[in-house]
N, C-alpha and C. Protein backbone atom coordinates (compact mmCIF):
# COMPACT_ATOMS: atom_id res chain seq x y z
N MET A 1 -7.31 -4.75 -14.23
CA MET A 1 -7.67 -5.48 -13.13
C MET A 1 -6.36 -6.48 -13.18
N ARG A 2 -5.56 -6.84 -12.18
CA ARG A 2 -4.60 -7.66 -11.94
C ARG A 2 -5.05 -8.86 -10.98
N ALA A 3 -4.75 -9.98 -11.05
CA ALA A 3 -4.87 -11.42 -10.32
C ALA A 3 -3.71 -12.34 -10.31
N VAL A 4 -3.26 -12.70 -9.05
CA VAL A 4 -2.07 -13.56 -9.17
C VAL A 4 -2.98 -14.75 -8.31
N VAL A 5 -3.22 -15.75 -8.99
CA VAL A 5 -3.84 -16.92 -8.59
C VAL A 5 -3.19 -17.88 -8.18
N GLN A 6 -3.17 -18.80 -6.82
CA GLN A 6 -2.49 -19.54 -6.45
C GLN A 6 -3.27 -21.16 -6.11
N ARG A 7 -2.96 -21.81 -6.61
CA ARG A 7 -3.80 -22.92 -6.30
C ARG A 7 -3.06 -23.45 -4.91
N VAL A 8 -4.22 -23.75 -4.04
CA VAL A 8 -3.68 -23.92 -2.52
C VAL A 8 -4.43 -25.33 -1.89
N THR A 9 -3.60 -25.89 -0.83
CA THR A 9 -4.20 -26.88 -0.15
C THR A 9 -4.94 -26.18 1.02
N SER A 10 -4.62 -24.96 1.39
CA SER A 10 -5.07 -24.32 2.33
C SER A 10 -4.50 -22.78 2.43
N ALA A 11 -5.32 -21.93 2.87
CA ALA A 11 -4.93 -20.53 3.17
C ALA A 11 -5.66 -19.75 4.25
N ARG A 12 -4.95 -18.82 4.84
CA ARG A 12 -5.73 -18.04 5.75
C ARG A 12 -5.40 -16.83 5.75
N ILE A 13 -6.17 -15.89 6.21
CA ILE A 13 -5.53 -14.49 6.56
C ILE A 13 -5.67 -14.07 7.91
N GLU A 14 -4.84 -13.55 8.28
CA GLU A 14 -4.71 -13.07 9.78
C GLU A 14 -4.69 -11.52 9.64
N VAL A 15 -5.36 -10.83 10.70
CA VAL A 15 -5.38 -9.40 11.16
C VAL A 15 -5.06 -9.20 12.41
N ASP A 16 -4.15 -8.59 12.83
CA ASP A 16 -4.01 -8.49 14.18
C ASP A 16 -3.95 -9.68 15.08
N GLY A 17 -3.24 -10.87 14.43
CA GLY A 17 -3.03 -12.08 14.98
C GLY A 17 -4.16 -12.95 15.07
N LYS A 18 -5.45 -12.65 14.56
CA LYS A 18 -6.52 -13.34 14.60
C LYS A 18 -6.87 -13.66 13.18
N THR A 19 -7.46 -14.95 13.10
CA THR A 19 -7.94 -15.48 11.67
C THR A 19 -9.10 -14.74 11.25
N VAL A 20 -9.27 -14.03 10.13
CA VAL A 20 -10.63 -13.68 9.59
C VAL A 20 -10.92 -14.18 8.49
N SER A 21 -10.03 -14.96 8.02
CA SER A 21 -10.78 -15.88 6.64
C SER A 21 -9.92 -17.10 6.59
N GLU A 22 -10.54 -18.21 5.96
CA GLU A 22 -9.53 -19.21 5.74
C GLU A 22 -10.33 -20.20 4.91
N ILE A 23 -9.88 -21.03 3.81
CA ILE A 23 -9.86 -22.07 3.08
C ILE A 23 -9.14 -23.34 3.18
N GLY A 24 -9.86 -24.31 2.68
CA GLY A 24 -8.98 -25.71 2.53
C GLY A 24 -8.57 -25.47 0.83
N HIS A 25 -8.57 -26.81 0.26
CA HIS A 25 -8.57 -26.70 -1.10
C HIS A 25 -9.02 -25.64 -2.04
N GLY A 26 -8.37 -25.05 -2.77
CA GLY A 26 -9.13 -24.02 -3.81
C GLY A 26 -7.98 -23.12 -4.37
N LEU A 27 -8.54 -21.87 -4.57
CA LEU A 27 -7.65 -20.71 -5.11
C LEU A 27 -7.55 -19.67 -3.93
N LEU A 28 -6.18 -19.06 -3.87
CA LEU A 28 -5.96 -17.84 -3.38
C LEU A 28 -5.69 -16.80 -4.47
N VAL A 29 -6.44 -15.66 -4.30
CA VAL A 29 -6.44 -14.90 -5.34
C VAL A 29 -6.03 -13.36 -4.69
N LEU A 30 -5.07 -12.98 -5.51
CA LEU A 30 -4.43 -11.56 -4.70
C LEU A 30 -4.92 -10.75 -6.02
N VAL A 31 -5.79 -9.59 -5.73
CA VAL A 31 -6.39 -8.72 -6.69
C VAL A 31 -5.94 -7.20 -6.34
N GLY A 32 -5.34 -6.78 -7.53
CA GLY A 32 -5.01 -5.49 -7.72
C GLY A 32 -5.55 -4.70 -8.76
N LEU A 33 -6.22 -3.46 -8.23
CA LEU A 33 -7.13 -2.69 -9.06
C LEU A 33 -6.34 -1.45 -9.81
N LEU A 34 -6.47 -1.51 -10.96
CA LEU A 34 -6.25 -0.25 -11.91
C LEU A 34 -6.99 1.12 -11.59
N ASP A 35 -6.36 2.10 -11.91
CA ASP A 35 -7.45 3.39 -11.48
C ASP A 35 -8.58 3.47 -12.51
N SER A 36 -8.27 2.60 -13.71
CA SER A 36 -9.38 2.90 -14.68
C SER A 36 -10.22 1.80 -15.13
N ASP A 37 -9.87 0.67 -13.98
CA ASP A 37 -10.83 -0.57 -14.21
C ASP A 37 -12.28 -0.23 -14.04
N THR A 38 -12.91 -1.18 -14.92
CA THR A 38 -14.46 -1.04 -14.98
C THR A 38 -15.24 -2.38 -14.54
N ASP A 39 -16.57 -2.20 -14.98
CA ASP A 39 -17.18 -3.77 -14.47
C ASP A 39 -16.66 -4.79 -15.56
N VAL A 40 -16.11 -4.42 -16.89
CA VAL A 40 -15.83 -5.23 -17.70
C VAL A 40 -14.61 -5.88 -17.44
N ASP A 41 -13.86 -5.37 -16.60
CA ASP A 41 -12.38 -5.86 -16.11
C ASP A 41 -12.88 -6.90 -15.15
N SER A 42 -13.93 -6.47 -14.09
CA SER A 42 -14.40 -7.23 -12.71
C SER A 42 -15.02 -8.62 -13.58
N GLU A 43 -15.74 -8.48 -14.71
CA GLU A 43 -16.24 -9.71 -15.24
C GLU A 43 -15.53 -10.59 -16.02
N PHE A 44 -14.56 -10.18 -16.44
CA PHE A 44 -13.00 -10.95 -17.11
C PHE A 44 -12.65 -11.58 -16.07
N ILE A 45 -12.02 -10.61 -14.79
CA ILE A 45 -11.61 -11.58 -13.78
C ILE A 45 -12.32 -12.62 -13.37
N CYS A 46 -13.65 -12.26 -12.83
CA CYS A 46 -14.52 -13.56 -12.19
C CYS A 46 -14.62 -14.56 -12.92
N ARG A 47 -14.70 -14.40 -14.47
CA ARG A 47 -15.04 -15.61 -15.18
C ARG A 47 -13.62 -16.43 -15.30
N LYS A 48 -12.60 -15.88 -15.22
CA LYS A 48 -11.20 -16.67 -15.32
C LYS A 48 -11.04 -17.25 -14.25
N ILE A 49 -11.27 -16.49 -13.08
CA ILE A 49 -10.77 -17.16 -11.78
C ILE A 49 -11.61 -18.47 -11.65
N LEU A 50 -12.71 -18.42 -11.98
CA LEU A 50 -13.91 -19.70 -11.81
C LEU A 50 -13.64 -20.54 -12.71
N ASN A 51 -13.23 -20.21 -14.05
CA ASN A 51 -13.04 -21.42 -15.06
C ASN A 51 -11.91 -21.66 -15.41
N MET A 52 -10.62 -21.32 -14.73
CA MET A 52 -9.24 -21.68 -15.11
C MET A 52 -9.20 -23.30 -14.61
N ARG A 53 -8.55 -24.02 -15.56
CA ARG A 53 -8.47 -25.40 -15.44
C ARG A 53 -7.23 -25.78 -14.68
N LEU A 54 -7.17 -25.67 -13.40
CA LEU A 54 -5.85 -25.68 -12.80
C LEU A 54 -6.00 -27.17 -11.68
N PHE A 55 -6.81 -27.83 -11.84
CA PHE A 55 -6.96 -29.03 -11.06
C PHE A 55 -7.31 -30.42 -12.06
N GLN A 56 -6.45 -31.40 -11.31
CA GLN A 56 -6.73 -32.61 -11.92
C GLN A 56 -7.92 -33.37 -11.97
N ASN A 57 -8.46 -34.04 -12.87
CA ASN A 57 -9.52 -34.79 -13.00
C ASN A 57 -8.98 -36.09 -12.34
N GLU A 58 -9.88 -36.23 -11.10
CA GLU A 58 -9.37 -37.64 -10.51
C GLU A 58 -10.01 -38.57 -11.13
N LYS A 59 -11.33 -38.58 -11.90
CA LYS A 59 -11.64 -39.94 -12.74
C LYS A 59 -10.82 -40.34 -13.71
N THR A 60 -10.39 -39.32 -14.52
CA THR A 60 -9.70 -39.65 -15.75
C THR A 60 -8.17 -39.59 -15.41
N GLY A 61 -7.73 -38.85 -14.42
CA GLY A 61 -6.20 -38.77 -14.22
C GLY A 61 -5.73 -37.60 -15.05
N LYS A 62 -6.54 -36.87 -15.82
CA LYS A 62 -6.17 -36.14 -16.70
C LYS A 62 -5.70 -34.48 -15.65
N PRO A 63 -4.44 -34.16 -15.89
CA PRO A 63 -4.25 -32.70 -15.29
C PRO A 63 -4.78 -31.38 -16.05
N TRP A 64 -5.01 -30.61 -15.22
CA TRP A 64 -5.11 -29.26 -15.78
C TRP A 64 -6.92 -29.35 -16.61
N ASP A 65 -7.41 -30.15 -15.91
CA ASP A 65 -9.01 -30.34 -16.53
C ASP A 65 -9.96 -29.68 -15.83
N GLN A 66 -9.93 -29.57 -14.58
CA GLN A 66 -11.20 -28.97 -13.76
C GLN A 66 -10.92 -27.74 -13.14
N ASN A 67 -11.88 -27.04 -13.22
CA ASN A 67 -11.85 -25.75 -12.42
C ASN A 67 -12.14 -25.84 -10.85
N VAL A 68 -12.23 -24.68 -10.39
CA VAL A 68 -12.59 -24.73 -8.88
C VAL A 68 -13.65 -25.16 -8.50
N MET A 69 -14.91 -24.77 -9.62
CA MET A 69 -16.30 -24.97 -9.21
C MET A 69 -16.55 -26.39 -9.42
N GLN A 70 -15.91 -27.02 -10.52
CA GLN A 70 -16.33 -28.41 -10.78
C GLN A 70 -15.50 -29.30 -9.55
N LYS A 71 -14.46 -28.81 -8.89
CA LYS A 71 -13.96 -29.50 -7.73
C LYS A 71 -14.70 -29.42 -6.51
N ASN A 72 -15.72 -28.36 -6.63
CA ASN A 72 -16.42 -27.96 -5.46
C ASN A 72 -15.23 -27.43 -4.15
N TYR A 73 -14.18 -26.81 -4.81
CA TYR A 73 -13.13 -26.02 -3.74
C TYR A 73 -13.93 -24.58 -3.26
N GLU A 74 -13.09 -23.93 -2.64
CA GLU A 74 -13.23 -22.48 -2.16
C GLU A 74 -12.13 -21.62 -3.01
N VAL A 75 -12.57 -20.32 -2.84
CA VAL A 75 -11.79 -18.93 -3.35
C VAL A 75 -11.59 -18.10 -2.13
N LEU A 76 -10.43 -17.77 -1.96
CA LEU A 76 -10.11 -16.56 -1.06
C LEU A 76 -9.27 -15.51 -1.80
N LEU A 77 -10.28 -14.40 -1.86
CA LEU A 77 -10.03 -13.18 -2.72
C LEU A 77 -9.23 -12.12 -1.36
N VAL A 78 -7.89 -11.72 -1.98
CA VAL A 78 -7.41 -10.55 -1.03
C VAL A 78 -7.10 -9.22 -1.88
N SER A 79 -7.55 -8.11 -1.41
CA SER A 79 -7.09 -6.85 -2.25
C SER A 79 -5.71 -6.71 -2.10
N GLN A 80 -5.07 -6.35 -3.05
CA GLN A 80 -3.52 -6.04 -2.89
C GLN A 80 -3.06 -4.94 -4.06
N PHE A 81 -3.11 -3.74 -3.64
CA PHE A 81 -2.96 -2.49 -4.31
C PHE A 81 -1.36 -2.32 -4.85
N THR A 82 -0.46 -3.30 -4.08
CA THR A 82 0.71 -3.32 -4.47
C THR A 82 1.19 -3.89 -6.03
N LEU A 83 -0.05 -4.60 -6.47
CA LEU A 83 0.22 -5.39 -7.76
C LEU A 83 0.47 -4.47 -8.99
N TYR A 84 0.06 -3.06 -8.46
CA TYR A 84 0.17 -2.19 -9.56
C TYR A 84 1.36 -1.02 -9.18
N GLY A 85 2.25 -1.52 -8.17
CA GLY A 85 3.11 -0.66 -7.98
C GLY A 85 4.43 -0.75 -8.95
N VAL A 86 5.21 0.21 -9.05
CA VAL A 86 6.27 0.28 -10.06
C VAL A 86 7.27 0.81 -9.07
N LEU A 87 8.43 0.84 -9.59
CA LEU A 87 9.72 1.41 -8.85
C LEU A 87 10.23 2.49 -9.39
N LYS A 88 10.17 3.44 -8.58
CA LYS A 88 10.88 4.64 -9.33
C LYS A 88 12.30 4.83 -8.21
N GLY A 89 13.38 4.73 -9.06
CA GLY A 89 14.51 4.39 -8.23
C GLY A 89 14.34 3.16 -7.44
N ASN A 90 14.70 3.13 -6.03
CA ASN A 90 14.14 2.19 -5.18
C ASN A 90 12.92 2.24 -4.54
N LYS A 91 12.03 3.21 -4.64
CA LYS A 91 10.87 3.43 -3.92
C LYS A 91 9.76 3.11 -4.81
N PRO A 92 8.95 2.34 -4.16
CA PRO A 92 7.87 1.90 -4.84
C PRO A 92 6.51 3.12 -5.12
N ASP A 93 6.16 3.17 -6.36
CA ASP A 93 5.11 4.10 -6.71
C ASP A 93 3.66 3.50 -7.04
N PHE A 94 2.61 3.95 -6.34
CA PHE A 94 1.29 3.30 -6.89
C PHE A 94 0.51 4.01 -7.51
N HIS A 95 0.92 5.14 -8.28
CA HIS A 95 0.00 6.20 -8.93
C HIS A 95 -0.84 5.48 -9.82
N VAL A 96 -0.67 4.47 -10.62
CA VAL A 96 -1.79 3.75 -11.28
C VAL A 96 -2.89 2.77 -10.68
N ALA A 97 -2.57 2.86 -9.36
CA ALA A 97 -3.53 1.68 -8.73
C ALA A 97 -4.59 2.57 -8.32
N MET A 98 -5.64 2.06 -8.50
CA MET A 98 -7.16 2.69 -7.97
C MET A 98 -6.97 3.38 -6.47
N PRO A 99 -7.43 4.54 -6.39
CA PRO A 99 -7.65 5.08 -4.98
C PRO A 99 -8.36 4.33 -3.92
N PRO A 100 -7.95 4.12 -2.66
CA PRO A 100 -8.58 3.45 -1.70
C PRO A 100 -10.16 3.72 -1.63
N GLN A 101 -10.59 5.06 -1.67
CA GLN A 101 -11.96 5.33 -1.67
C GLN A 101 -12.81 4.84 -2.82
N LEU A 102 -12.10 4.65 -3.78
CA LEU A 102 -12.79 4.30 -5.10
C LEU A 102 -12.59 2.69 -5.13
N ALA A 103 -11.50 2.33 -4.57
CA ALA A 103 -11.15 0.69 -4.66
C ALA A 103 -11.82 -0.10 -3.77
N LYS A 104 -12.33 0.17 -2.56
CA LYS A 104 -12.98 -0.40 -1.67
C LYS A 104 -14.20 -0.91 -2.01
N PRO A 105 -15.22 -0.14 -2.72
CA PRO A 105 -16.62 -0.53 -2.80
C PRO A 105 -16.59 -1.22 -4.53
N PHE A 106 -15.27 -1.02 -5.12
CA PHE A 106 -15.30 -1.59 -6.69
C PHE A 106 -14.44 -3.23 -6.22
N TYR A 107 -13.79 -3.35 -5.07
CA TYR A 107 -13.48 -4.67 -4.75
C TYR A 107 -14.49 -5.26 -3.87
N GLU A 108 -15.24 -5.00 -3.35
CA GLU A 108 -16.49 -5.55 -2.68
C GLU A 108 -17.50 -5.89 -3.62
N SER A 109 -17.46 -5.08 -4.80
CA SER A 109 -18.46 -5.76 -5.87
C SER A 109 -17.79 -6.79 -6.70
N LEU A 110 -16.44 -7.00 -6.69
CA LEU A 110 -15.97 -7.85 -7.28
C LEU A 110 -16.07 -9.31 -6.42
N VAL A 111 -16.06 -9.01 -5.02
CA VAL A 111 -16.34 -10.27 -4.24
C VAL A 111 -17.48 -10.62 -4.67
N GLN A 112 -18.51 -9.69 -4.33
CA GLN A 112 -19.95 -10.13 -4.71
C GLN A 112 -20.28 -10.94 -6.03
N ARG A 113 -19.66 -10.46 -7.01
CA ARG A 113 -19.78 -10.84 -8.31
C ARG A 113 -19.40 -12.43 -8.15
N VAL A 114 -18.27 -12.78 -7.61
CA VAL A 114 -17.61 -13.90 -7.58
C VAL A 114 -18.68 -14.77 -6.87
N ARG A 115 -19.17 -14.52 -5.70
CA ARG A 115 -19.91 -15.21 -4.72
C ARG A 115 -21.12 -15.90 -5.79
N LYS A 116 -21.68 -14.68 -6.12
CA LYS A 116 -22.98 -14.73 -7.12
C LYS A 116 -23.03 -15.70 -8.15
N ALA A 117 -21.75 -15.96 -8.94
CA ALA A 117 -21.28 -16.61 -9.98
C ALA A 117 -20.98 -17.98 -9.73
N TYR A 118 -20.59 -18.23 -7.99
CA TYR A 118 -20.40 -19.50 -7.70
C TYR A 118 -21.30 -20.06 -6.84
N LYS A 119 -20.73 -19.84 -5.38
CA LYS A 119 -21.88 -19.78 -4.31
C LYS A 119 -21.12 -19.11 -3.09
N PRO A 120 -22.27 -18.31 -2.32
CA PRO A 120 -21.54 -17.50 -1.37
C PRO A 120 -20.65 -18.03 -0.49
N ASP A 121 -21.04 -19.20 0.14
CA ASP A 121 -20.25 -19.76 1.33
C ASP A 121 -18.94 -20.28 0.81
N ALA A 122 -18.70 -20.38 -0.46
CA ALA A 122 -17.30 -20.94 -0.77
C ALA A 122 -16.44 -19.68 -1.15
N VAL A 123 -17.03 -18.55 -1.28
CA VAL A 123 -15.83 -17.68 -1.46
C VAL A 123 -15.63 -16.47 -0.29
N LYS A 124 -14.55 -16.43 0.25
CA LYS A 124 -14.17 -15.56 1.22
C LYS A 124 -13.25 -14.44 0.92
N ASP A 125 -12.97 -13.57 1.73
CA ASP A 125 -12.03 -12.42 1.31
C ASP A 125 -11.35 -11.91 2.55
N GLY A 126 -10.49 -11.13 2.47
CA GLY A 126 -9.68 -10.67 3.43
C GLY A 126 -10.24 -9.25 4.16
N VAL A 127 -9.57 -8.40 4.62
CA VAL A 127 -10.10 -7.16 5.15
C VAL A 127 -9.58 -6.06 4.50
N PHE A 128 -10.34 -5.53 3.51
CA PHE A 128 -9.77 -4.26 2.71
C PHE A 128 -9.08 -3.28 3.49
N GLY A 129 -7.76 -2.79 3.14
CA GLY A 129 -7.05 -1.83 3.77
C GLY A 129 -6.40 -2.12 5.14
N ALA A 130 -6.55 -3.26 5.67
CA ALA A 130 -5.91 -3.73 6.59
C ALA A 130 -4.40 -4.26 6.32
N MET A 131 -3.34 -4.50 7.65
CA MET A 131 -2.27 -5.05 7.32
C MET A 131 -2.63 -6.37 7.60
N MET A 132 -2.40 -7.24 6.68
CA MET A 132 -2.86 -8.73 6.59
C MET A 132 -1.67 -9.50 6.38
N GLN A 133 -1.78 -10.69 7.15
CA GLN A 133 -0.80 -11.84 7.07
C GLN A 133 -1.58 -12.72 6.22
N VAL A 134 -0.82 -13.30 5.13
CA VAL A 134 -1.23 -14.45 4.16
C VAL A 134 -0.68 -15.66 4.45
N HIS A 135 -1.28 -16.55 4.81
CA HIS A 135 -0.71 -17.68 5.11
C HIS A 135 -1.27 -18.63 3.84
N LEU A 136 -0.26 -19.40 3.26
CA LEU A 136 -1.02 -20.18 2.14
C LEU A 136 -0.04 -21.67 2.19
N VAL A 137 -0.46 -22.48 1.81
CA VAL A 137 0.35 -23.78 1.15
C VAL A 137 -0.12 -24.01 -0.07
N ASN A 138 1.03 -23.33 -0.84
CA ASN A 138 0.87 -23.56 -2.62
C ASN A 138 0.81 -24.86 -3.06
N ASP A 139 -0.29 -25.52 -3.79
CA ASP A 139 -0.38 -26.70 -4.19
C ASP A 139 0.24 -26.92 -5.68
N GLY A 140 1.69 -27.75 -5.76
CA GLY A 140 2.20 -28.10 -6.95
C GLY A 140 3.49 -27.61 -7.06
N PRO A 141 3.94 -26.25 -6.78
CA PRO A 141 3.32 -24.91 -6.71
C PRO A 141 2.80 -24.62 -7.79
N VAL A 142 1.48 -24.11 -8.06
CA VAL A 142 0.69 -23.61 -8.87
C VAL A 142 0.50 -22.02 -8.76
N THR A 143 0.95 -21.11 -9.72
CA THR A 143 0.53 -19.73 -9.68
C THR A 143 0.53 -19.25 -10.70
N MET A 144 -0.69 -18.67 -11.25
CA MET A 144 -0.82 -18.16 -12.67
C MET A 144 -1.22 -16.32 -12.48
N ASN A 145 -1.03 -15.70 -13.40
CA ASN A 145 -1.06 -14.17 -13.32
C ASN A 145 -2.10 -13.79 -14.83
N LEU A 146 -3.19 -13.09 -14.04
CA LEU A 146 -4.03 -12.56 -15.06
C LEU A 146 -4.09 -11.06 -14.77
N ASP A 147 -4.40 -10.60 -16.20
CA ASP A 147 -4.19 -8.99 -16.11
C ASP A 147 -5.56 -9.07 -17.17
N SER A 148 -6.68 -8.07 -16.85
CA SER A 148 -7.83 -8.02 -17.67
C SER A 148 -7.69 -7.19 -18.98
N ARG A 149 -6.40 -6.79 -18.85
CA ARG A 149 -5.93 -6.03 -20.01
C ARG A 149 -4.61 -5.34 -19.66
N LYS A 150 -3.52 -5.34 -20.65
CA LYS A 150 -2.38 -4.83 -20.49
C LYS A 150 -2.45 -3.44 -20.44
N VAL A 151 -1.58 -2.57 -19.58
CA VAL A 151 -1.62 -1.13 -19.48
C VAL A 151 -0.27 -0.52 -20.33
N SER A 152 -0.66 0.52 -21.02
CA SER A 152 0.33 1.08 -21.97
C SER A 152 1.53 1.39 -20.99
N THR A 153 2.70 1.23 -21.28
CA THR A 153 3.76 1.75 -20.44
C THR A 153 4.60 2.76 -21.39
N PRO A 154 5.39 3.67 -20.91
CA PRO A 154 6.56 4.33 -21.57
C PRO A 154 7.26 3.42 -22.25
N GLU A 155 7.74 2.54 -21.57
CA GLU A 155 8.85 1.46 -22.24
C GLU A 155 8.15 0.82 -23.39
N SER A 156 7.15 0.31 -23.28
CA SER A 156 6.78 -0.50 -24.26
C SER A 156 5.79 0.19 -25.54
N GLY A 157 5.29 1.13 -24.99
CA GLY A 157 4.39 2.01 -26.02
C GLY A 157 3.28 1.05 -26.49
N THR A 158 2.99 -0.02 -26.03
CA THR A 158 1.89 -0.84 -26.39
C THR A 158 0.59 -1.24 -25.42
N GLN A 159 -0.55 -1.48 -26.20
CA GLN A 159 -1.49 -1.61 -25.11
C GLN A 159 -2.31 -2.98 -25.76
N ASP A 160 -2.53 -3.89 -25.14
CA ASP A 160 -3.01 -5.33 -25.62
C ASP A 160 -4.73 -5.12 -25.24
N ASP A 161 -5.38 -5.75 -26.00
CA ASP A 161 -6.74 -5.68 -25.64
C ASP A 161 -7.25 -6.96 -24.94
N SER A 162 -6.58 -7.62 -24.07
CA SER A 162 -6.85 -8.86 -23.44
C SER A 162 -8.29 -9.24 -22.95
N LEU A 163 -9.05 -7.99 -22.98
CA LEU A 163 -10.73 -8.60 -22.45
C LEU A 163 -11.15 -9.21 -23.88
N LYS A 164 -10.75 -9.02 -24.99
CA LYS A 164 -11.37 -9.93 -26.12
C LYS A 164 -11.35 -11.34 -26.06
N MET A 165 -12.10 -12.19 -26.21
CA MET A 165 -12.11 -13.76 -25.87
C MET A 165 -12.04 -14.31 -26.99
């Protein structure tokens, strides 16, 4: 599983010109699903999203000290299969992304996992499979990339066990 986490002052999702989700301060998380992802990957990404210390502690002035839960901020999750796209020539190929019929329930279970681990009303999401417009004001800007594990590629020939803590 791959996630692009952006610290935002606000973010919203529009579908057909209508706002379907929006948050104030918090994290916008673009989520890509690998065809071999399991609940272990989902748990890892959930834990990392909620515990990443990307916010300043206002009491101490210490940067990179508090997570989204400590700040009582919101999370906006957006499914994005293109995070596992690769170029074959100039054309994108998404063969390693989880197929939509499997990805939808898996993504929905991730949303529920994050809601359960934090608080349901603070976790929003987009519309799976829809053409969405993502509007955000990146705070910092701060953007972090998460991978629950690294995928072996023909070029690298390596695999990383990023799930180990």
